[in-house]
Full PDB file with SEQRES, HELIX, SHEET, SSBOND, CRYST1, ORIGX, SCALE, CONECT and MASTER records, all heavy atoms in Angstrom:
SEQRES   1 A   37  PRO SER ASN TRP SER GLU PHE VAL LYS LYS THR LEU ASN          
SEQRES   2 A   37  LYS ALA ASP LEU SER THR SER GLU LEU PHE LEU THR PRO          
SEQRES   3 A   37  PRO THR PRO PRO GLU LYS ASN MET PHE GLU VAL                  
HELIX    1 AA1 TRP A    4  LEU A   12  1                                   9    
HELIX    2 AA2 SER A   20  LEU A   22  5                                   3    
CRYST1    1.000    1.000    1.000  90.00  90.00  90.00 P 1           1          
ORIGX1      1.000000  0.000000  0.000000        0.00000                         
ORIGX2      0.000000  1.000000  0.000000        0.00000                         
ORIGX3      0.000000  0.000000  1.000000        0.00000                         
SCALE1      1.000000  0.000000  0.000000        0.00000                         
SCALE2      0.000000  1.000000  0.000000        0.00000                         
SCALE3      0.000000  0.000000  1.000000        0.00000                         
ATOM      1  N   PRO A   1      75.693 -35.580 -24.674  1.00  0.00           N  
ATOM      2  CA  PRO A   1      75.871 -35.538 -23.196  1.00  0.00           C  
ATOM      3  C   PRO A   1      75.565 -34.136 -22.601  1.00  0.00           C  
ATOM      4  O   PRO A   1      75.214 -34.123 -21.374  1.00  0.00           O  
ATOM      5  CB  PRO A   1      77.399 -35.844 -23.063  1.00  0.00           C  
ATOM      6  CG  PRO A   1      77.737 -36.572 -24.275  1.00  0.00           C  
ATOM      7  CD  PRO A   1      76.845 -35.972 -25.389  1.00  0.00           C  
ATOM      8  N   SER A   2      75.576 -33.143 -23.361  1.00  0.00           N  
ATOM      9  CA  SER A   2      75.278 -31.793 -22.837  1.00  0.00           C  
ATOM     10  C   SER A   2      73.779 -31.734 -22.391  1.00  0.00           C  
ATOM     11  O   SER A   2      73.418 -30.853 -21.527  1.00  0.00           O  
ATOM     12  CB  SER A   2      75.525 -30.719 -23.919  1.00  0.00           C  
ATOM     13  OG  SER A   2      74.607 -30.861 -25.031  1.00  0.00           O  
ATOM     14  N   ASN A   3      72.904 -32.592 -22.881  1.00  0.00           N  
ATOM     15  CA  ASN A   3      71.535 -32.589 -22.467  1.00  0.00           C  
ATOM     16  C   ASN A   3      71.255 -33.554 -21.394  1.00  0.00           C  
ATOM     17  O   ASN A   3      70.077 -33.856 -21.087  1.00  0.00           O  
ATOM     18  CB  ASN A   3      70.670 -32.904 -23.720  1.00  0.00           C  
ATOM     19  CG  ASN A   3      70.701 -31.893 -24.768  1.00  0.00           C  
ATOM     20  OD1 ASN A   3      70.978 -30.653 -24.407  1.00  0.00           O  
ATOM     21  ND2 ASN A   3      70.402 -32.232 -26.010  1.00  0.00           N  
ATOM     22  N   TRP A   4      72.303 -34.082 -20.752  1.00  0.00           N  
ATOM     23  CA  TRP A   4      72.089 -35.175 -19.794  1.00  0.00           C  
ATOM     24  C   TRP A   4      71.312 -34.765 -18.539  1.00  0.00           C  
ATOM     25  O   TRP A   4      70.383 -35.560 -18.156  1.00  0.00           O  
ATOM     26  CB  TRP A   4      73.500 -35.668 -19.219  1.00  0.00           C  
ATOM     27  CG  TRP A   4      73.382 -36.806 -18.290  1.00  0.00           C  
ATOM     28  CD1 TRP A   4      73.794 -36.811 -17.029  1.00  0.00           C  
ATOM     29  CD2 TRP A   4      72.815 -38.103 -18.474  1.00  0.00           C  
ATOM     30  NE1 TRP A   4      73.510 -37.965 -16.400  1.00  0.00           N  
ATOM     31  CE2 TRP A   4      72.908 -38.800 -17.267  1.00  0.00           C  
ATOM     32  CE3 TRP A   4      72.108 -38.730 -19.546  1.00  0.00           C  
ATOM     33  CZ2 TRP A   4      72.443 -40.122 -17.078  1.00  0.00           C  
ATOM     34  CZ3 TRP A   4      71.654 -40.002 -19.361  1.00  0.00           C  
ATOM     35  CH2 TRP A   4      71.840 -40.674 -18.147  1.00  0.00           C  
ATOM     36  N   SER A   5      71.521 -33.631 -17.988  1.00  0.00           N  
ATOM     37  CA  SER A   5      70.761 -33.182 -16.840  1.00  0.00           C  
ATOM     38  C   SER A   5      69.211 -33.162 -17.142  1.00  0.00           C  
ATOM     39  O   SER A   5      68.407 -33.601 -16.343  1.00  0.00           O  
ATOM     40  CB  SER A   5      71.153 -31.801 -16.389  1.00  0.00           C  
ATOM     41  OG  SER A   5      72.518 -31.886 -15.882  1.00  0.00           O  
ATOM     42  N   GLU A   6      68.857 -32.544 -18.300  1.00  0.00           N  
ATOM     43  CA  GLU A   6      67.462 -32.482 -18.704  1.00  0.00           C  
ATOM     44  C   GLU A   6      66.950 -33.888 -18.963  1.00  0.00           C  
ATOM     45  O   GLU A   6      65.753 -34.197 -18.573  1.00  0.00           O  
ATOM     46  CB  GLU A   6      67.341 -31.694 -19.972  1.00  0.00           C  
ATOM     47  CG  GLU A   6      65.951 -31.346 -20.380  1.00  0.00           C  
ATOM     48  CD  GLU A   6      65.241 -30.454 -19.368  1.00  0.00           C  
ATOM     49  OE1 GLU A   6      65.899 -29.786 -18.581  1.00  0.00           O  
ATOM     50  OE2 GLU A   6      63.962 -30.666 -19.230  1.00  0.00           O  
ATOM     51  N   PHE A   7      67.800 -34.807 -19.547  1.00  0.00           N  
ATOM     52  CA  PHE A   7      67.364 -36.160 -19.793  1.00  0.00           C  
ATOM     53  C   PHE A   7      67.034 -36.841 -18.469  1.00  0.00           C  
ATOM     54  O   PHE A   7      66.003 -37.530 -18.387  1.00  0.00           O  
ATOM     55  CB  PHE A   7      68.507 -36.907 -20.508  1.00  0.00           C  
ATOM     56  CG  PHE A   7      68.164 -38.372 -20.761  1.00  0.00           C  
ATOM     57  CD1 PHE A   7      67.383 -38.764 -21.825  1.00  0.00           C  
ATOM     58  CD2 PHE A   7      68.686 -39.344 -19.835  1.00  0.00           C  
ATOM     59  CE1 PHE A   7      67.065 -40.136 -22.022  1.00  0.00           C  
ATOM     60  CE2 PHE A   7      68.414 -40.700 -20.026  1.00  0.00           C  
ATOM     61  CZ  PHE A   7      67.681 -41.049 -21.129  1.00  0.00           C  
ATOM     62  N   VAL A   8      67.796 -36.698 -17.452  1.00  0.00           N  
ATOM     63  CA  VAL A   8      67.590 -37.321 -16.100  1.00  0.00           C  
ATOM     64  C   VAL A   8      66.264 -36.785 -15.530  1.00  0.00           C  
ATOM     65  O   VAL A   8      65.405 -37.592 -15.063  1.00  0.00           O  
ATOM     66  CB  VAL A   8      68.750 -37.039 -15.192  1.00  0.00           C  
ATOM     67  CG1 VAL A   8      68.422 -37.413 -13.699  1.00  0.00           C  
ATOM     68  CG2 VAL A   8      70.037 -37.731 -15.615  1.00  0.00           C  
ATOM     69  N   LYS A   9      66.021 -35.473 -15.575  1.00  0.00           N  
ATOM     70  CA  LYS A   9      64.759 -34.954 -15.086  1.00  0.00           C  
ATOM     71  C   LYS A   9      63.566 -35.520 -15.744  1.00  0.00           C  
ATOM     72  O   LYS A   9      62.584 -35.933 -15.120  1.00  0.00           O  
ATOM     73  CB  LYS A   9      64.757 -33.418 -15.195  1.00  0.00           C  
ATOM     74  CG  LYS A   9      65.794 -32.683 -14.316  1.00  0.00           C  
ATOM     75  CD  LYS A   9      65.763 -31.185 -14.598  1.00  0.00           C  
ATOM     76  CE  LYS A   9      66.769 -30.486 -13.754  1.00  0.00           C  
ATOM     77  NZ  LYS A   9      66.780 -29.022 -13.989  1.00  0.00           N  
ATOM     78  N   LYS A  10      63.629 -35.659 -17.039  1.00  0.00           N  
ATOM     79  CA  LYS A  10      62.470 -36.166 -17.844  1.00  0.00           C  
ATOM     80  C   LYS A  10      62.269 -37.675 -17.536  1.00  0.00           C  
ATOM     81  O   LYS A  10      61.200 -38.192 -17.440  1.00  0.00           O  
ATOM     82  CB  LYS A  10      62.668 -35.967 -19.342  1.00  0.00           C  
ATOM     83  CG  LYS A  10      62.516 -34.462 -19.797  1.00  0.00           C  
ATOM     84  CD  LYS A  10      62.705 -34.313 -21.261  1.00  0.00           C  
ATOM     85  CE  LYS A  10      62.534 -32.848 -21.652  1.00  0.00           C  
ATOM     86  NZ  LYS A  10      62.677 -32.708 -23.167  1.00  0.00           N  
ATOM     87  N   THR A  11      63.440 -38.385 -17.426  1.00  0.00           N  
ATOM     88  CA  THR A  11      63.337 -39.861 -17.202  1.00  0.00           C  
ATOM     89  C   THR A  11      62.704 -40.130 -15.811  1.00  0.00           C  
ATOM     90  O   THR A  11      61.959 -41.132 -15.649  1.00  0.00           O  
ATOM     91  CB  THR A  11      64.767 -40.422 -17.283  1.00  0.00           C  
ATOM     92  OG1 THR A  11      65.290 -40.135 -18.586  1.00  0.00           O  
ATOM     93  CG2 THR A  11      64.698 -41.928 -17.077  1.00  0.00           C  
ATOM     94  N   LEU A  12      63.051 -39.379 -14.886  1.00  0.00           N  
ATOM     95  CA  LEU A  12      62.533 -39.612 -13.465  1.00  0.00           C  
ATOM     96  C   LEU A  12      61.148 -39.042 -13.259  1.00  0.00           C  
ATOM     97  O   LEU A  12      60.497 -39.394 -12.221  1.00  0.00           O  
ATOM     98  CB  LEU A  12      63.547 -39.084 -12.464  1.00  0.00           C  
ATOM     99  CG  LEU A  12      64.922 -39.809 -12.431  1.00  0.00           C  
ATOM    100  CD1 LEU A  12      65.749 -39.139 -11.338  1.00  0.00           C  
ATOM    101  CD2 LEU A  12      64.735 -41.335 -12.202  1.00  0.00           C  
ATOM    102  N   ASN A  13      60.724 -38.147 -14.043  1.00  0.00           N  
ATOM    103  CA  ASN A  13      59.378 -37.507 -13.875  1.00  0.00           C  
ATOM    104  C   ASN A  13      58.334 -38.503 -13.949  1.00  0.00           C  
ATOM    105  O   ASN A  13      58.130 -39.136 -15.011  1.00  0.00           O  
ATOM    106  CB  ASN A  13      59.188 -36.396 -14.892  1.00  0.00           C  
ATOM    107  CG  ASN A  13      57.957 -35.629 -14.628  1.00  0.00           C  
ATOM    108  OD1 ASN A  13      57.511 -35.424 -13.468  1.00  0.00           O  
ATOM    109  ND2 ASN A  13      57.285 -35.249 -15.737  1.00  0.00           N  
ATOM    110  N   LYS A  14      57.576 -38.715 -12.869  1.00  0.00           N  
ATOM    111  CA  LYS A  14      56.445 -39.625 -12.778  1.00  0.00           C  
ATOM    112  C   LYS A  14      56.877 -41.101 -13.020  1.00  0.00           C  
ATOM    113  O   LYS A  14      56.050 -41.964 -13.380  1.00  0.00           O  
ATOM    114  CB  LYS A  14      55.353 -39.259 -13.767  1.00  0.00           C  
ATOM    115  CG  LYS A  14      54.709 -37.880 -13.431  1.00  0.00           C  
ATOM    116  CD  LYS A  14      53.601 -37.618 -14.398  1.00  0.00           C  
ATOM    117  CE  LYS A  14      53.035 -36.214 -14.043  1.00  0.00           C  
ATOM    118  NZ  LYS A  14      51.882 -35.851 -14.999  1.00  0.00           N  
ATOM    119  N   ALA A  15      58.181 -41.364 -12.890  1.00  0.00           N  
ATOM    120  CA  ALA A  15      58.692 -42.732 -13.106  1.00  0.00           C  
ATOM    121  C   ALA A  15      58.377 -43.630 -11.880  1.00  0.00           C  
ATOM    122  O   ALA A  15      58.184 -43.163 -10.789  1.00  0.00           O  
ATOM    123  CB  ALA A  15      60.182 -42.763 -13.382  1.00  0.00           C  
ATOM    124  N   ASP A  16      58.426 -45.011 -12.102  1.00  0.00           N  
ATOM    125  CA  ASP A  16      58.188 -45.881 -10.993  1.00  0.00           C  
ATOM    126  C   ASP A  16      59.573 -46.172 -10.353  1.00  0.00           C  
ATOM    127  O   ASP A  16      60.365 -46.845 -10.898  1.00  0.00           O  
ATOM    128  CB  ASP A  16      57.655 -47.162 -11.507  1.00  0.00           C  
ATOM    129  CG  ASP A  16      57.054 -48.129 -10.519  1.00  0.00           C  
ATOM    130  OD1 ASP A  16      57.099 -47.703  -9.260  1.00  0.00           O  
ATOM    131  OD2 ASP A  16      56.595 -49.260 -10.813  1.00  0.00           O  
ATOM    132  N   LEU A  17      59.833 -45.550  -9.182  1.00  0.00           N  
ATOM    133  CA  LEU A  17      61.146 -45.522  -8.651  1.00  0.00           C  
ATOM    134  C   LEU A  17      61.355 -46.704  -7.603  1.00  0.00           C  
ATOM    135  O   LEU A  17      60.427 -47.005  -6.834  1.00  0.00           O  
ATOM    136  CB  LEU A  17      61.394 -44.247  -7.871  1.00  0.00           C  
ATOM    137  CG  LEU A  17      61.225 -42.972  -8.708  1.00  0.00           C  
ATOM    138  CD1 LEU A  17      61.561 -41.696  -7.839  1.00  0.00           C  
ATOM    139  CD2 LEU A  17      62.008 -42.930  -9.996  1.00  0.00           C  
ATOM    140  N   SER A  18      62.487 -47.287  -7.677  1.00  0.00           N  
ATOM    141  CA  SER A  18      62.834 -48.330  -6.691  1.00  0.00           C  
ATOM    142  C   SER A  18      63.033 -47.722  -5.275  1.00  0.00           C  
ATOM    143  O   SER A  18      63.440 -46.588  -5.159  1.00  0.00           O  
ATOM    144  CB  SER A  18      64.092 -49.121  -7.161  1.00  0.00           C  
ATOM    145  OG  SER A  18      65.118 -48.224  -7.204  1.00  0.00           O  
ATOM    146  N   THR A  19      62.731 -48.484  -4.246  1.00  0.00           N  
ATOM    147  CA  THR A  19      62.952 -48.050  -2.902  1.00  0.00           C  
ATOM    148  C   THR A  19      63.944 -48.913  -2.242  1.00  0.00           C  
ATOM    149  O   THR A  19      64.270 -50.007  -2.633  1.00  0.00           O  
ATOM    150  CB  THR A  19      61.612 -48.044  -2.226  1.00  0.00           C  
ATOM    151  OG1 THR A  19      61.057 -49.318  -2.288  1.00  0.00           O  
ATOM    152  CG2 THR A  19      60.686 -47.027  -2.707  1.00  0.00           C  
ATOM    153  N   SER A  20      64.517 -48.393  -1.133  1.00  0.00           N  
ATOM    154  CA  SER A  20      65.660 -49.006  -0.453  1.00  0.00           C  
ATOM    155  C   SER A  20      65.388 -50.449   0.115  1.00  0.00           C  
ATOM    156  O   SER A  20      66.338 -51.252   0.071  1.00  0.00           O  
ATOM    157  CB  SER A  20      66.099 -48.184   0.763  1.00  0.00           C  
ATOM    158  OG  SER A  20      65.012 -48.044   1.648  1.00  0.00           O  
ATOM    159  N   GLU A  21      64.125 -50.839   0.444  1.00  0.00           N  
ATOM    160  CA  GLU A  21      63.897 -52.094   0.930  1.00  0.00           C  
ATOM    161  C   GLU A  21      64.027 -53.254  -0.076  1.00  0.00           C  
ATOM    162  O   GLU A  21      64.066 -54.363   0.261  1.00  0.00           O  
ATOM    163  CB  GLU A  21      62.444 -52.176   1.529  1.00  0.00           C  
ATOM    164  CG  GLU A  21      61.361 -52.020   0.580  1.00  0.00           C  
ATOM    165  CD  GLU A  21      60.856 -50.558   0.518  1.00  0.00           C  
ATOM    166  OE1 GLU A  21      61.665 -49.682   0.909  1.00  0.00           O  
ATOM    167  OE2 GLU A  21      59.790 -50.287  -0.024  1.00  0.00           O  
ATOM    168  N   LEU A  22      64.108 -52.889  -1.379  1.00  0.00           N  
ATOM    169  CA  LEU A  22      64.296 -53.890  -2.456  1.00  0.00           C  
ATOM    170  C   LEU A  22      65.691 -54.405  -2.535  1.00  0.00           C  
ATOM    171  O   LEU A  22      65.989 -55.421  -3.073  1.00  0.00           O  
ATOM    172  CB  LEU A  22      63.837 -53.342  -3.739  1.00  0.00           C  
ATOM    173  CG  LEU A  22      62.427 -52.927  -3.941  1.00  0.00           C  
ATOM    174  CD1 LEU A  22      62.175 -52.369  -5.331  1.00  0.00           C  
ATOM    175  CD2 LEU A  22      61.450 -54.104  -3.675  1.00  0.00           C  
ATOM    176  N   PHE A  23      66.621 -53.642  -1.999  1.00  0.00           N  
ATOM    177  CA  PHE A  23      68.063 -53.812  -2.164  1.00  0.00           C  
ATOM    178  C   PHE A  23      68.598 -54.614  -0.931  1.00  0.00           C  
ATOM    179  O   PHE A  23      68.370 -54.167   0.217  1.00  0.00           O  
ATOM    180  CB  PHE A  23      68.816 -52.508  -2.357  1.00  0.00           C  
ATOM    181  CG  PHE A  23      68.405 -51.826  -3.619  1.00  0.00           C  
ATOM    182  CD1 PHE A  23      67.256 -51.043  -3.654  1.00  0.00           C  
ATOM    183  CD2 PHE A  23      69.063 -51.962  -4.814  1.00  0.00           C  
ATOM    184  CE1 PHE A  23      66.807 -50.425  -4.794  1.00  0.00           C  
ATOM    185  CE2 PHE A  23      68.699 -51.395  -5.935  1.00  0.00           C  
ATOM    186  CZ  PHE A  23      67.565 -50.583  -5.968  1.00  0.00           C  
ATOM    187  N   LEU A  24      69.272 -55.672  -1.166  1.00  0.00           N  
ATOM    188  CA  LEU A  24      69.762 -56.558  -0.067  1.00  0.00           C  
ATOM    189  C   LEU A  24      71.317 -56.438   0.120  1.00  0.00           C  
ATOM    190  O   LEU A  24      72.009 -56.027  -0.840  1.00  0.00           O  
ATOM    191  CB  LEU A  24      69.365 -57.967  -0.440  1.00  0.00           C  
ATOM    192  CG  LEU A  24      67.881 -58.190  -0.694  1.00  0.00           C  
ATOM    193  CD1 LEU A  24      67.665 -59.659  -1.124  1.00  0.00           C  
ATOM    194  CD2 LEU A  24      67.065 -57.839   0.486  1.00  0.00           C  
ATOM    195  N   THR A  25      71.753 -56.797   1.297  1.00  0.00           N  
ATOM    196  CA  THR A  25      73.153 -56.669   1.587  1.00  0.00           C  
ATOM    197  C   THR A  25      73.907 -57.802   0.871  1.00  0.00           C  
ATOM    198  O   THR A  25      73.525 -59.033   0.877  1.00  0.00           O  
ATOM    199  CB  THR A  25      73.368 -56.899   3.045  1.00  0.00           C  
ATOM    200  OG1 THR A  25      72.631 -55.939   3.819  1.00  0.00           O  
ATOM    201  CG2 THR A  25      74.876 -56.766   3.430  1.00  0.00           C  
ATOM    202  N   PRO A  26      75.012 -57.408   0.138  1.00  0.00           N  
ATOM    203  CA  PRO A  26      75.725 -58.458  -0.561  1.00  0.00           C  
ATOM    204  C   PRO A  26      76.356 -59.452   0.404  1.00  0.00           C  
ATOM    205  O   PRO A  26      76.559 -59.227   1.574  1.00  0.00           O  
ATOM    206  CB  PRO A  26      76.838 -57.674  -1.238  1.00  0.00           C  
ATOM    207  CG  PRO A  26      76.404 -56.281  -1.301  1.00  0.00           C  
ATOM    208  CD  PRO A  26      75.477 -56.019  -0.118  1.00  0.00           C  
ATOM    209  N   PRO A  27      76.654 -60.713  -0.062  1.00  0.00           N  
ATOM    210  CA  PRO A  27      77.168 -61.695   0.764  1.00  0.00           C  
ATOM    211  C   PRO A  27      78.562 -61.436   1.186  1.00  0.00           C  
ATOM    212  O   PRO A  27      79.279 -60.691   0.503  1.00  0.00           O  
ATOM    213  CB  PRO A  27      77.056 -62.983  -0.043  1.00  0.00           C  
ATOM    214  CG  PRO A  27      77.186 -62.497  -1.527  1.00  0.00           C  
ATOM    215  CD  PRO A  27      76.392 -61.214  -1.444  1.00  0.00           C  
ATOM    216  N   THR A  28      78.994 -62.071   2.260  1.00  0.00           N  
ATOM    217  CA  THR A  28      80.434 -62.042   2.672  1.00  0.00           C  
ATOM    218  C   THR A  28      81.193 -62.947   1.746  1.00  0.00           C  
ATOM    219  O   THR A  28      80.937 -64.142   1.747  1.00  0.00           O  
ATOM    220  CB  THR A  28      80.605 -62.445   4.136  1.00  0.00           C  
ATOM    221  OG1 THR A  28      79.817 -61.560   4.989  1.00  0.00           O  
ATOM    222  CG2 THR A  28      82.160 -62.287   4.593  1.00  0.00           C  
ATOM    223  N   PRO A  29      82.231 -62.461   1.076  1.00  0.00           N  
ATOM    224  CA  PRO A  29      82.940 -63.316   0.099  1.00  0.00           C  
ATOM    225  C   PRO A  29      83.905 -64.344   0.797  1.00  0.00           C  
ATOM    226  O   PRO A  29      84.398 -63.980   1.913  1.00  0.00           O  
ATOM    227  CB  PRO A  29      83.739 -62.325  -0.717  1.00  0.00           C  
ATOM    228  CG  PRO A  29      83.903 -61.074   0.188  1.00  0.00           C  
ATOM    229  CD  PRO A  29      82.681 -60.999   0.976  1.00  0.00           C  
ATOM    230  N   PRO A  30      84.087 -65.410   0.235  1.00  0.00           N  
ATOM    231  CA  PRO A  30      85.080 -66.383   0.779  1.00  0.00           C  
ATOM    232  C   PRO A  30      86.458 -65.803   0.766  1.00  0.00           C  
ATOM    233  O   PRO A  30      86.812 -64.993  -0.116  1.00  0.00           O  
ATOM    234  CB  PRO A  30      84.993 -67.585  -0.106  1.00  0.00           C  
ATOM    235  CG  PRO A  30      84.414 -67.126  -1.379  1.00  0.00           C  
ATOM    236  CD  PRO A  30      83.479 -65.986  -0.995  1.00  0.00           C  
ATOM    237  N   GLU A  31      87.337 -66.198   1.755  1.00  0.00           N  
ATOM    238  CA  GLU A  31      88.661 -65.579   1.852  1.00  0.00           C  
ATOM    239  C   GLU A  31      89.617 -66.006   0.826  1.00  0.00           C  
ATOM    240  O   GLU A  31      90.571 -65.272   0.406  1.00  0.00           O  
ATOM    241  CB  GLU A  31      89.182 -65.891   3.227  1.00  0.00           C  
ATOM    242  CG  GLU A  31      88.458 -65.265   4.362  1.00  0.00           C  
ATOM    243  CD  GLU A  31      89.119 -65.554   5.730  1.00  0.00           C  
ATOM    244  OE1 GLU A  31      90.062 -66.262   5.790  1.00  0.00           O  
ATOM    245  OE2 GLU A  31      88.560 -65.023   6.773  1.00  0.00           O  
ATOM    246  N   LYS A  32      89.468 -67.196   0.275  1.00  0.00           N  
ATOM    247  CA  LYS A  32      90.475 -67.644  -0.749  1.00  0.00           C  
ATOM    248  C   LYS A  32      89.736 -68.651  -1.692  1.00  0.00           C  
ATOM    249  O   LYS A  32      88.696 -69.106  -1.431  1.00  0.00           O  
ATOM    250  CB  LYS A  32      91.716 -68.245  -0.128  1.00  0.00           C  
ATOM    251  CG  LYS A  32      91.388 -69.417   0.764  1.00  0.00           C  
ATOM    252  CD  LYS A  32      92.748 -69.953   1.430  1.00  0.00           C  
ATOM    253  CE  LYS A  32      92.506 -71.139   2.368  1.00  0.00           C  
ATOM    254  NZ  LYS A  32      93.807 -71.622   2.930  1.00  0.00           N  
ATOM    255  N   ASN A  33      90.456 -68.877  -2.776  1.00  0.00           N  
ATOM    256  CA  ASN A  33      89.957 -69.812  -3.816  1.00  0.00           C  
ATOM    257  C   ASN A  33      90.143 -71.257  -3.456  1.00  0.00           C  
ATOM    258  O   ASN A  33      91.318 -71.741  -3.397  1.00  0.00           O  
ATOM    259  CB  ASN A  33      90.646 -69.473  -5.168  1.00  0.00           C  
ATOM    260  CG  ASN A  33      90.063 -70.280  -6.324  1.00  0.00           C  
ATOM    261  OD1 ASN A  33      89.162 -71.038  -6.175  1.00  0.00           O  
ATOM    262  ND2 ASN A  33      90.634 -70.029  -7.518  1.00  0.00           N  
ATOM    263  N   MET A  34      89.065 -71.972  -3.140  1.00  0.00           N  
ATOM    264  CA  MET A  34      89.218 -73.372  -2.749  1.00  0.00           C  
ATOM    265  C   MET A  34      88.588 -74.304  -3.841  1.00  0.00           C  
ATOM    266  O   MET A  34      88.378 -75.478  -3.565  1.00  0.00           O  
ATOM    267  CB  MET A  34      88.477 -73.584  -1.435  1.00  0.00           C  
ATOM    268  CG  MET A  34      89.119 -72.823  -0.248  1.00  0.00           C  
ATOM    269  SD  MET A  34      90.773 -73.388   0.140  1.00  0.00           S  
ATOM    270  CE  MET A  34      90.373 -75.031   0.841  1.00  0.00           C  
ATOM    271  N   PHE A  35      88.215 -73.769  -5.029  1.00  0.00           N  
ATOM    272  CA  PHE A  35      87.737 -74.661  -6.081  1.00  0.00           C  
ATOM    273  C   PHE A  35      88.791 -75.622  -6.514  1.00  0.00           C  
ATOM    274  O   PHE A  35      89.943 -75.320  -6.537  1.00  0.00           O  
ATOM    275  CB  PHE A  35      87.260 -73.813  -7.235  1.00  0.00           C  
ATOM    276  CG  PHE A  35      85.966 -73.025  -7.022  1.00  0.00           C  
ATOM    277  CD1 PHE A  35      85.976 -71.767  -6.661  1.00  0.00           C  
ATOM    278  CD2 PHE A  35      84.790 -73.763  -7.168  1.00  0.00           C  
ATOM    279  CE1 PHE A  35      84.740 -71.070  -6.382  1.00  0.00           C  
ATOM    280  CE2 PHE A  35      83.559 -73.072  -6.907  1.00  0.00           C  
ATOM    281  CZ  PHE A  35      83.516 -71.703  -6.515  1.00  0.00           C  
ATOM    282  N   GLU A  36      88.310 -76.794  -6.966  1.00  0.00           N  
ATOM    283  CA  GLU A  36      89.187 -77.807  -7.523  1.00  0.00           C  
ATOM    284  C   GLU A  36      88.708 -78.261  -8.891  1.00  0.00           C  
ATOM    285  O   GLU A  36      87.464 -78.217  -9.214  1.00  0.00           O  
ATOM    286  CB  GLU A  36      89.221 -79.034  -6.543  1.00  0.00           C  
ATOM    287  CG  GLU A  36      89.845 -78.709  -5.188  1.00  0.00           C  
ATOM    288  CD  GLU A  36      89.901 -79.908  -4.295  1.00  0.00           C  
ATOM    289  OE1 GLU A  36      89.465 -80.993  -4.767  1.00  0.00           O  
ATOM    290  OE2 GLU A  36      90.259 -79.756  -3.109  1.00  0.00           O  
ATOM    291  N   VAL A  37      89.600 -78.658  -9.714  1.00  0.00           N  
ATOM    292  CA  VAL A  37      89.263 -79.134 -11.102  1.00  0.00           C  
ATOM    293  C   VAL A  37      88.370 -80.330 -11.012  1.00  0.00           C  
ATOM    294  O   VAL A  37      88.520 -81.263 -10.158  1.00  0.00           O  
ATOM    295  CB  VAL A  37      90.568 -79.591 -11.869  1.00  0.00           C  
ATOM    296  CG1 VAL A  37      90.153 -80.202 -13.225  1.00  0.00           C  
ATOM    297  CG2 VAL A  37      91.388 -78.286 -12.101  1.00  0.00           C  
TER     298      VAL A  37                                                      
MASTER        0    0    0    2    0    0    0    6  297    1    0    3          
END                                                                             
């Protein structure tokens, strides 16, 4: 773990990075459990 900062730098160097438009808003969850057996 002591080498983590250096690991991050090397991992991201020239890497194919994701951009914000790929990430979507999570759905609104139902208020209660209405499933039935």
